[in-house]
Amino acid sequence: MSLKQKITDDMKSAMRAKETARLGTIRLLLAAMKQREVDERIELSDADIIAIIEKMNKQRRDSISQYEAAGRQELADAEKFEMSVLQAYLPQAMSEAEIAAEIEAAIAASGAAGPQDMGKVVAAIKPKLLGRADMGKVSGLIKSRLSR
């Protein structure tokens, strides 16, 4: 079953169960997916959907930090709930050791020698880690590894 079909089925089950908060989050995701399909005139693949979910999660993380800084815990909790719903559609997260192994393999495969080769390593590793690791953290790990 494709990811798109799973999300649609989950929307229907949330409607039947009258889970309004979960339903709202799923509808936001479906709207973002439909918007991208219409804008680019394409049929989304699972990788495209994962990229959309990653972007939505990043927005939620930013909102949570701003709400907590402003003392609006109820809004931060709502964003955390939305993140938990979106996380269910992402592949299993990788451990730190698995990420480090992937970075080492990508550095070896691309022949990267220093920080100037960071783009090559990121391009090689991004398809493998998309949705399974925070690319911001991965980028920092790659940078520190290449700076040695």
N, C-alpha and C. Protein backbone atom coordinates (compact mmCIF):
# COMPACT_ATOMS: atom_id res chain seq x y z
N MET A 1 0.84 -1.17 0.00
CA MET A 1 0.00 0.00 0.00
C MET A 1 0.89 1.24 0.00
N SER A 2 0.56 2.19 -0.86
CA SER A 2 1.36 3.40 -0.92
C SER A 2 1.09 4.26 0.31
N LEU A 3 2.01 5.16 0.57
CA LEU A 3 1.88 6.05 1.72
C LEU A 3 0.66 6.95 1.57
N LYS A 4 0.42 7.39 0.35
CA LYS A 4 -0.74 8.26 0.09
C LYS A 4 -2.04 7.53 0.42
N GLN A 5 -2.14 6.28 0.04
CA GLN A 5 -3.33 5.49 0.33
C GLN A 5 -3.49 5.27 1.83
N LYS A 6 -2.38 5.03 2.51
CA LYS A 6 -2.42 4.82 3.96
C LYS A 6 -2.93 6.08 4.66
N ILE A 7 -2.46 7.24 4.23
CA ILE A 7 -2.89 8.50 4.83
C ILE A 7 -4.38 8.72 4.59
N THR A 8 -4.84 8.43 3.39
CA THR A 8 -6.27 8.57 3.07
C THR A 8 -7.11 7.62 3.92
N ASP A 9 -6.65 6.38 4.07
CA ASP A 9 -7.37 5.41 4.91
C ASP A 9 -7.41 5.85 6.37
N ASP A 10 -6.28 6.42 6.84
CA ASP A 10 -6.24 6.91 8.22
C ASP A 10 -7.19 8.09 8.42
N MET A 11 -7.36 8.92 7.39
CA MET A 11 -8.30 10.03 7.47
C MET A 11 -9.72 9.48 7.65
N LYS A 12 -10.05 8.46 6.88
CA LYS A 12 -11.39 7.87 6.98
C LYS A 12 -11.63 7.25 8.34
N SER A 13 -10.62 6.57 8.88
CA SER A 13 -10.79 5.95 10.19
C SER A 13 -10.88 7.01 11.29
N ALA A 14 -10.15 8.12 11.14
CA ALA A 14 -10.25 9.20 12.12
C ALA A 14 -11.63 9.86 12.07
N MET A 15 -12.19 9.93 10.88
CA MET A 15 -13.55 10.48 10.74
C MET A 15 -14.55 9.58 11.46
N ARG A 16 -14.43 8.27 11.24
CA ARG A 16 -15.35 7.32 11.86
C ARG A 16 -15.23 7.34 13.39
N ALA A 17 -14.00 7.48 13.87
CA ALA A 17 -13.76 7.47 15.31
C ALA A 17 -13.99 8.85 15.95
N LYS A 18 -14.31 9.84 15.14
CA LYS A 18 -14.54 11.21 15.60
C LYS A 18 -13.34 11.78 16.36
N GLU A 19 -12.14 11.49 15.87
CA GLU A 19 -10.91 12.03 16.44
C GLU A 19 -10.60 13.35 15.72
N THR A 20 -11.17 14.43 16.20
CA THR A 20 -11.10 15.70 15.46
C THR A 20 -9.69 16.26 15.35
N ALA A 21 -8.90 16.17 16.41
CA ALA A 21 -7.54 16.73 16.36
C ALA A 21 -6.68 15.95 15.36
N ARG A 22 -6.75 14.63 15.41
CA ARG A 22 -5.99 13.79 14.49
C ARG A 22 -6.47 14.00 13.05
N LEU A 23 -7.77 14.09 12.88
CA LEU A 23 -8.36 14.31 11.56
C LEU A 23 -7.88 15.63 10.96
N GLY A 24 -7.83 16.66 11.78
CA GLY A 24 -7.38 17.97 11.30
C GLY A 24 -5.94 17.92 10.81
N THR A 25 -5.09 17.22 11.53
CA THR A 25 -3.68 17.11 11.14
C THR A 25 -3.54 16.33 9.83
N ILE A 26 -4.30 15.24 9.72
CA ILE A 26 -4.23 14.44 8.49
C ILE A 26 -4.74 15.25 7.31
N ARG A 27 -5.78 16.02 7.53
CA ARG A 27 -6.31 16.86 6.44
C ARG A 27 -5.29 17.92 6.02
N LEU A 28 -4.55 18.48 7.00
CA LEU A 28 -3.49 19.44 6.65
C LEU A 28 -2.44 18.78 5.75
N LEU A 29 -2.08 17.56 6.10
CA LEU A 29 -1.10 16.82 5.32
C LEU A 29 -1.62 16.54 3.91
N LEU A 30 -2.85 16.08 3.82
CA LEU A 30 -3.44 15.80 2.51
C LEU A 30 -3.55 17.08 1.67
N ALA A 31 -3.87 18.20 2.31
CA ALA A 31 -3.95 19.46 1.58
C ALA A 31 -2.59 19.87 1.04
N ALA A 32 -1.54 19.70 1.84
CA ALA A 32 -0.18 20.03 1.40
C ALA A 32 0.23 19.14 0.23
N MET A 33 -0.15 17.86 0.32
CA MET A 33 0.17 16.93 -0.77
C MET A 33 -0.56 17.33 -2.05
N LYS A 34 -1.85 17.63 -1.94
CA LYS A 34 -2.66 18.00 -3.10
C LYS A 34 -2.13 19.30 -3.71
N GLN A 35 -1.75 20.24 -2.86
CA GLN A 35 -1.21 21.52 -3.34
C GLN A 35 0.04 21.29 -4.19
N ARG A 36 0.91 20.44 -3.72
CA ARG A 36 2.14 20.15 -4.46
C ARG A 36 1.84 19.44 -5.78
N GLU A 37 0.89 18.51 -5.75
CA GLU A 37 0.51 17.80 -6.98
C GLU A 37 -0.05 18.77 -8.01
N VAL A 38 -0.88 19.70 -7.57
CA VAL A 38 -1.50 20.66 -8.49
C VAL A 38 -0.46 21.65 -9.01
N ASP A 39 0.37 22.16 -8.10
CA ASP A 39 1.38 23.15 -8.50
C ASP A 39 2.37 22.60 -9.51
N GLU A 40 2.84 21.39 -9.26
CA GLU A 40 3.89 20.82 -10.10
C GLU A 40 3.36 19.86 -11.16
N ARG A 41 2.05 19.59 -11.14
CA ARG A 41 1.40 18.68 -12.10
C ARG A 41 2.10 17.32 -12.13
N ILE A 42 2.26 16.75 -10.94
CA ILE A 42 2.91 15.44 -10.82
C ILE A 42 2.09 14.56 -9.89
N GLU A 43 2.37 13.27 -9.93
CA GLU A 43 1.83 12.33 -8.96
C GLU A 43 2.93 12.12 -7.93
N LEU A 44 2.63 12.35 -6.66
CA LEU A 44 3.65 12.27 -5.61
C LEU A 44 4.07 10.84 -5.34
N SER A 45 5.37 10.65 -5.21
CA SER A 45 5.90 9.36 -4.79
C SER A 45 5.98 9.35 -3.26
N ASP A 46 6.28 8.20 -2.69
CA ASP A 46 6.43 8.11 -1.24
C ASP A 46 7.54 9.03 -0.75
N ALA A 47 8.62 9.15 -1.52
CA ALA A 47 9.73 10.02 -1.13
C ALA A 47 9.29 11.48 -1.11
N ASP A 48 8.46 11.87 -2.07
CA ASP A 48 7.94 13.24 -2.09
C ASP A 48 7.07 13.51 -0.87
N ILE A 49 6.25 12.54 -0.51
CA ILE A 49 5.36 12.69 0.64
C ILE A 49 6.18 12.79 1.92
N ILE A 50 7.23 11.98 2.02
CA ILE A 50 8.10 12.03 3.20
C ILE A 50 8.76 13.41 3.30
N ALA A 51 9.15 13.98 2.17
CA ALA A 51 9.76 15.32 2.18
C ALA A 51 8.75 16.36 2.67
N ILE A 52 7.49 16.22 2.27
CA ILE A 52 6.45 17.14 2.74
C ILE A 52 6.27 17.00 4.25
N ILE A 53 6.24 15.76 4.74
CA ILE A 53 6.07 15.53 6.17
C ILE A 53 7.26 16.10 6.95
N GLU A 54 8.47 15.91 6.42
CA GLU A 54 9.66 16.47 7.07
C GLU A 54 9.55 17.99 7.19
N LYS A 55 9.09 18.64 6.11
CA LYS A 55 8.94 20.09 6.11
C LYS A 55 7.90 20.51 7.14
N MET A 56 6.79 19.79 7.20
CA MET A 56 5.75 20.12 8.17
C MET A 56 6.25 19.92 9.61
N ASN A 57 7.03 18.88 9.84
CA ASN A 57 7.59 18.64 11.17
C ASN A 57 8.56 19.75 11.57
N LYS A 58 9.35 20.22 10.61
CA LYS A 58 10.29 21.31 10.89
C LYS A 58 9.51 22.56 11.30
N GLN A 59 8.41 22.84 10.59
CA GLN A 59 7.57 23.98 10.94
C GLN A 59 7.02 23.82 12.36
N ARG A 60 6.61 22.61 12.70
CA ARG A 60 6.07 22.35 14.04
C ARG A 60 7.15 22.56 15.11
N ARG A 61 8.38 22.07 14.84
CA ARG A 61 9.46 22.25 15.81
C ARG A 61 9.73 23.74 16.06
N ASP A 62 9.75 24.52 14.98
CA ASP A 62 9.97 25.96 15.12
C ASP A 62 8.84 26.61 15.93
N SER A 63 7.61 26.22 15.65
CA SER A 63 6.46 26.77 16.36
C SER A 63 6.51 26.41 17.84
N ILE A 64 6.87 25.17 18.13
CA ILE A 64 6.94 24.73 19.53
C ILE A 64 7.95 25.57 20.30
N SER A 65 9.11 25.79 19.72
CA SER A 65 10.13 26.58 20.44
C SER A 65 9.64 28.02 20.65
N GLN A 66 8.95 28.58 19.68
CA GLN A 66 8.45 29.95 19.82
C GLN A 66 7.32 30.02 20.85
N TYR A 67 6.42 29.04 20.83
CA TYR A 67 5.32 29.03 21.80
C TYR A 67 5.84 28.85 23.22
N GLU A 68 6.81 27.97 23.39
CA GLU A 68 7.36 27.76 24.73
C GLU A 68 8.10 28.99 25.23
N ALA A 69 8.78 29.67 24.33
CA ALA A 69 9.49 30.89 24.72
C ALA A 69 8.50 31.99 25.13
N ALA A 70 7.30 31.97 24.52
CA ALA A 70 6.29 32.97 24.83
C ALA A 70 5.39 32.55 25.99
N GLY A 71 5.63 31.34 26.53
CA GLY A 71 4.83 30.87 27.65
C GLY A 71 3.45 30.37 27.26
N ARG A 72 3.27 29.94 26.02
CA ARG A 72 1.98 29.45 25.52
C ARG A 72 2.03 27.93 25.42
N GLN A 73 2.03 27.27 26.56
CA GLN A 73 2.21 25.81 26.61
C GLN A 73 1.08 25.07 25.91
N GLU A 74 -0.17 25.57 25.99
CA GLU A 74 -1.29 24.86 25.36
C GLU A 74 -1.12 24.81 23.83
N LEU A 75 -0.59 25.87 23.25
CA LEU A 75 -0.34 25.87 21.81
C LEU A 75 0.84 24.97 21.46
N ALA A 76 1.84 24.95 22.31
CA ALA A 76 3.00 24.07 22.10
C ALA A 76 2.55 22.61 22.17
N ASP A 77 1.66 22.29 23.10
CA ASP A 77 1.16 20.92 23.22
C ASP A 77 0.37 20.51 21.98
N ALA A 78 -0.40 21.43 21.42
CA ALA A 78 -1.15 21.13 20.20
C ALA A 78 -0.19 20.83 19.04
N GLU A 79 0.87 21.60 18.94
CA GLU A 79 1.87 21.37 17.89
C GLU A 79 2.58 20.03 18.10
N LYS A 80 2.87 19.69 19.35
CA LYS A 80 3.51 18.40 19.66
C LYS A 80 2.61 17.24 19.25
N PHE A 81 1.30 17.39 19.49
CA PHE A 81 0.37 16.35 19.09
C PHE A 81 0.38 16.19 17.56
N GLU A 82 0.35 17.30 16.84
CA GLU A 82 0.40 17.25 15.38
C GLU A 82 1.68 16.57 14.90
N MET A 83 2.80 16.88 15.56
CA MET A 83 4.06 16.23 15.19
C MET A 83 3.99 14.73 15.40
N SER A 84 3.36 14.30 16.49
CA SER A 84 3.26 12.86 16.76
C SER A 84 2.42 12.16 15.70
N VAL A 85 1.37 12.83 15.22
CA VAL A 85 0.54 12.25 14.16
C VAL A 85 1.36 12.13 12.87
N LEU A 86 2.10 13.18 12.54
CA LEU A 86 2.90 13.18 11.31
C LEU A 86 4.04 12.17 11.39
N GLN A 87 4.63 12.01 12.57
CA GLN A 87 5.75 11.08 12.75
C GLN A 87 5.35 9.65 12.39
N ALA A 88 4.08 9.31 12.56
CA ALA A 88 3.62 7.95 12.28
C ALA A 88 3.80 7.57 10.82
N TYR A 89 3.89 8.55 9.94
CA TYR A 89 4.02 8.27 8.51
C TYR A 89 5.46 8.25 8.03
N LEU A 90 6.39 8.57 8.91
CA LEU A 90 7.80 8.56 8.54
C LEU A 90 8.38 7.17 8.78
N PRO A 91 9.41 6.80 8.03
CA PRO A 91 10.08 5.52 8.28
C PRO A 91 10.74 5.52 9.66
N GLN A 92 11.10 4.35 10.12
CA GLN A 92 11.76 4.20 11.43
C GLN A 92 13.04 5.04 11.46
N ALA A 93 13.20 5.82 12.52
CA ALA A 93 14.38 6.68 12.66
C ALA A 93 15.64 5.83 12.83
N MET A 94 16.75 6.35 12.31
CA MET A 94 18.03 5.65 12.42
C MET A 94 18.72 6.03 13.72
N SER A 95 19.53 5.12 14.23
CA SER A 95 20.30 5.39 15.44
C SER A 95 21.54 6.22 15.07
N GLU A 96 22.17 6.78 16.09
CA GLU A 96 23.39 7.58 15.87
C GLU A 96 24.48 6.75 15.19
N ALA A 97 24.61 5.48 15.60
CA ALA A 97 25.64 4.61 15.02
C ALA A 97 25.35 4.34 13.55
N GLU A 98 24.09 4.12 13.20
CA GLU A 98 23.73 3.87 11.80
C GLU A 98 23.98 5.10 10.95
N ILE A 99 23.67 6.27 11.50
CA ILE A 99 23.91 7.52 10.77
C ILE A 99 25.41 7.71 10.55
N ALA A 100 26.20 7.46 11.58
CA ALA A 100 27.66 7.60 11.46
C ALA A 100 28.21 6.64 10.40
N ALA A 101 27.69 5.42 10.37
CA ALA A 101 28.14 4.44 9.37
C ALA A 101 27.77 4.90 7.96
N GLU A 102 26.58 5.43 7.79
CA GLU A 102 26.16 5.94 6.47
C GLU A 102 27.04 7.11 6.04
N ILE A 103 27.38 7.99 6.99
CA ILE A 103 28.24 9.13 6.67
C ILE A 103 29.61 8.65 6.22
N GLU A 104 30.17 7.70 6.95
CA GLU A 104 31.49 7.16 6.58
C GLU A 104 31.45 6.52 5.20
N ALA A 105 30.38 5.76 4.92
CA ALA A 105 30.26 5.11 3.61
C ALA A 105 30.12 6.14 2.49
N ALA A 106 29.35 7.20 2.74
CA ALA A 106 29.17 8.24 1.72
C ALA A 106 30.47 9.01 1.48
N ILE A 107 31.23 9.25 2.55
CA ILE A 107 32.52 9.95 2.39
C ILE A 107 33.48 9.08 1.58
N ALA A 108 33.51 7.79 1.88
CA ALA A 108 34.39 6.88 1.14
C ALA A 108 33.96 6.78 -0.32
N ALA A 109 32.66 6.67 -0.57
CA ALA A 109 32.16 6.51 -1.94
C ALA A 109 32.39 7.76 -2.78
N SER A 110 32.26 8.94 -2.16
CA SER A 110 32.41 10.18 -2.93
C SER A 110 33.86 10.65 -2.99
N GLY A 111 34.72 10.07 -2.18
CA GLY A 111 36.13 10.46 -2.18
C GLY A 111 36.35 11.84 -1.58
N ALA A 112 35.47 12.26 -0.68
CA ALA A 112 35.56 13.58 -0.06
C ALA A 112 36.82 13.67 0.80
N ALA A 113 37.50 14.81 0.68
CA ALA A 113 38.75 14.99 1.41
C ALA A 113 38.67 16.10 2.45
N GLY A 114 37.74 17.03 2.27
CA GLY A 114 37.67 18.14 3.21
C GLY A 114 36.32 18.82 3.16
N PRO A 115 36.18 19.90 3.90
CA PRO A 115 34.91 20.62 3.98
C PRO A 115 34.38 21.10 2.62
N GLN A 116 35.27 21.33 1.67
CA GLN A 116 34.83 21.78 0.34
C GLN A 116 34.04 20.70 -0.40
N ASP A 117 34.16 19.45 0.02
CA ASP A 117 33.46 18.34 -0.62
C ASP A 117 32.15 17.98 0.09
N MET A 118 31.70 18.84 0.99
CA MET A 118 30.50 18.53 1.78
C MET A 118 29.28 18.33 0.89
N GLY A 119 29.15 19.10 -0.17
CA GLY A 119 28.01 18.99 -1.09
C GLY A 119 27.90 17.60 -1.70
N LYS A 120 29.04 17.03 -2.07
CA LYS A 120 29.06 15.69 -2.65
C LYS A 120 28.53 14.65 -1.66
N VAL A 121 28.97 14.77 -0.42
CA VAL A 121 28.59 13.81 0.61
C VAL A 121 27.10 13.94 0.93
N VAL A 122 26.63 15.17 1.07
CA VAL A 122 25.21 15.39 1.37
C VAL A 122 24.35 14.86 0.23
N ALA A 123 24.75 15.11 -1.02
CA ALA A 123 23.99 14.61 -2.17
C ALA A 123 23.93 13.09 -2.18
N ALA A 124 25.01 12.45 -1.77
CA ALA A 124 25.05 10.98 -1.77
C ALA A 124 24.23 10.39 -0.63
N ILE A 125 24.20 11.07 0.49
CA ILE A 125 23.57 10.49 1.68
C ILE A 125 22.09 10.86 1.83
N LYS A 126 21.68 11.97 1.26
CA LYS A 126 20.32 12.47 1.47
C LYS A 126 19.23 11.46 1.07
N PRO A 127 19.32 10.82 -0.10
CA PRO A 127 18.25 9.87 -0.45
C PRO A 127 18.12 8.70 0.53
N LYS A 128 19.24 8.30 1.13
CA LYS A 128 19.22 7.16 2.05
C LYS A 128 18.63 7.54 3.41
N LEU A 129 18.83 8.78 3.83
CA LEU A 129 18.42 9.20 5.17
C LEU A 129 17.14 10.00 5.21
N LEU A 130 16.56 10.33 4.06
CA LEU A 130 15.38 11.17 4.02
C LEU A 130 14.25 10.57 4.86
N GLY A 131 13.81 11.32 5.83
CA GLY A 131 12.73 10.88 6.70
C GLY A 131 13.17 9.98 7.84
N ARG A 132 14.41 9.55 7.82
CA ARG A 132 14.91 8.65 8.86
C ARG A 132 15.86 9.34 9.82
N ALA A 133 16.26 10.57 9.48
CA ALA A 133 17.17 11.33 10.34
C ALA A 133 16.98 12.81 10.06
N ASP A 134 17.25 13.64 11.06
CA ASP A 134 17.17 15.09 10.90
C ASP A 134 18.37 15.54 10.06
N MET A 135 18.09 16.03 8.86
CA MET A 135 19.17 16.37 7.94
C MET A 135 20.01 17.54 8.46
N GLY A 136 19.46 18.37 9.31
CA GLY A 136 20.25 19.45 9.91
C GLY A 136 21.36 18.89 10.80
N LYS A 137 21.01 17.90 11.60
CA LYS A 137 22.00 17.26 12.47
C LYS A 137 23.00 16.47 11.64
N VAL A 138 22.51 15.78 10.60
CA VAL A 138 23.39 14.99 9.73
C VAL A 138 24.40 15.92 9.05
N SER A 139 23.93 17.06 8.60
CA SER A 139 24.82 18.03 7.96
C SER A 139 25.92 18.47 8.92
N GLY A 140 25.56 18.71 10.18
CA GLY A 140 26.56 19.09 11.18
C GLY A 140 27.56 17.98 11.43
N LEU A 141 27.07 16.74 11.46
CA LEU A 141 27.98 15.59 11.65
C LEU A 141 28.94 15.45 10.48
N ILE A 142 28.44 15.64 9.27
CA ILE A 142 29.29 15.55 8.08
C ILE A 142 30.34 16.64 8.12
N LYS A 143 29.92 17.84 8.47
CA LYS A 143 30.85 18.97 8.53
C LYS A 143 31.96 18.72 9.54
N SER A 144 31.58 18.23 10.74
CA SER A 144 32.61 17.98 11.75
C SER A 144 33.53 16.83 11.33
N ARG A 145 32.99 15.84 10.67
CA ARG A 145 33.80 14.70 10.19
C ARG A 145 34.78 15.15 9.12
N LEU A 146 34.36 16.00 8.21
CA LEU A 146 35.23 16.44 7.12
C LEU A 146 36.25 17.48 7.59
N SER A 147 36.01 18.10 8.72
CA SER A 147 36.92 19.12 9.23
C SER A 147 38.12 18.52 9.97
N ARG A 148 38.06 17.23 10.24
CA ARG A 148 39.17 16.59 10.98
C ARG A 148 40.43 16.53 10.17
